Amino acid sequence: MPKELTETVKRRVAELGIVTVTRDDRCGLERTWRSIERQSRSVRWHVVDGASRDGSLEWLLELRQREPLLSFTSGPDDGPYDAMNRGWRALEATYLLFLNAGDELYDSTSLERAERTLATSDAPLVCCDVVLVDRQGRNSPGRPVERSLAALDRFNAIFHQGALIARTLLQGLGGYDTRYRFCADYDFFLRCRENGVEALFPTFPLARFVRDGLTHRRSLAWAYYREMAGVQRAHRLPVNRSLYLIGGAKALLGETLSDALRARISALFGGTRGATPLGRE
């Protein structure tokens, strides 16, 4: 690597930070930490804990004694997006990556690859690939990767676990809209597009996304897809009617059984043409 680029990477190293929001998920939090700990370089990690009662706070207190780059807060919040807003405002970093408790960086070189990408681009939004996994770490089927903001017309094509977001962009757009319970990241990325934000789509996986959060719970499936359709209305987009069919299938059949239906429904409504499967470069 040329000396000039090496110096740029070194400068960017201090600018990248990770925010994790959690509540009563100590096991997931430890899993996320292990993926950060095995990186080829260190990174600042800020945890926003929603007043957990499962020992998470005690574990964080113990960890902070030996990890100076860890910071955290603990207390009630108004949901995950309120916690994410608190996180990026508290962590002094130029680029932010949001990993939920249980999510992992893809491998030990993930941050290194991210830094090299940031060193060669001034794009305020860098959207890497993610790999979906279950709690046992097994790869799980999921949405295809569509490396374009144009795909946002049909569904939320960007996972925040793979998005490196500039602090200036979060500040400029006011962060996440906490009126949304499930889809504030979709709304945020749509606002990025509407404001002409430059987005870069490198073709390497940055994170493993654990597929058991709020948006993947069978009991909440219908509410999630209904809210996604509501975001589309708010942005004056044609509502993707397949969202209702997919949401209904998940609510009735569960996550795994509805995946095959999702693929057929999406193909029927033209939702995934030209896509690349998750986790493949």
Foldseek 3Di string as FASTA:
>chain_A
DDPVLVVLLVVQQQQEEEEEEEAQCQVLQVLAVVQQVLAPDHHAYEYEYQQHDNCNVVVLVVVCVPDVSYYYDYHHDLADQRSVVVRLVVDRHFKYAYDYRNKHWPHRCLVVVVSSVVSVDPFQKEAEFEFEDASVRHTDFDAFADFDLVLLLAFQRGDSNRIIGGSVLCVVVVGFDSVDRACSVSLSSVVCVVVVGDYHYDYAHTMYHHQPDPCQDLCCLQVNLVVRQVSSVVVVGPRNVVSNVLSVCCNVPNDRVSPVVSVVSCVVSVNAPPTHTGPDD
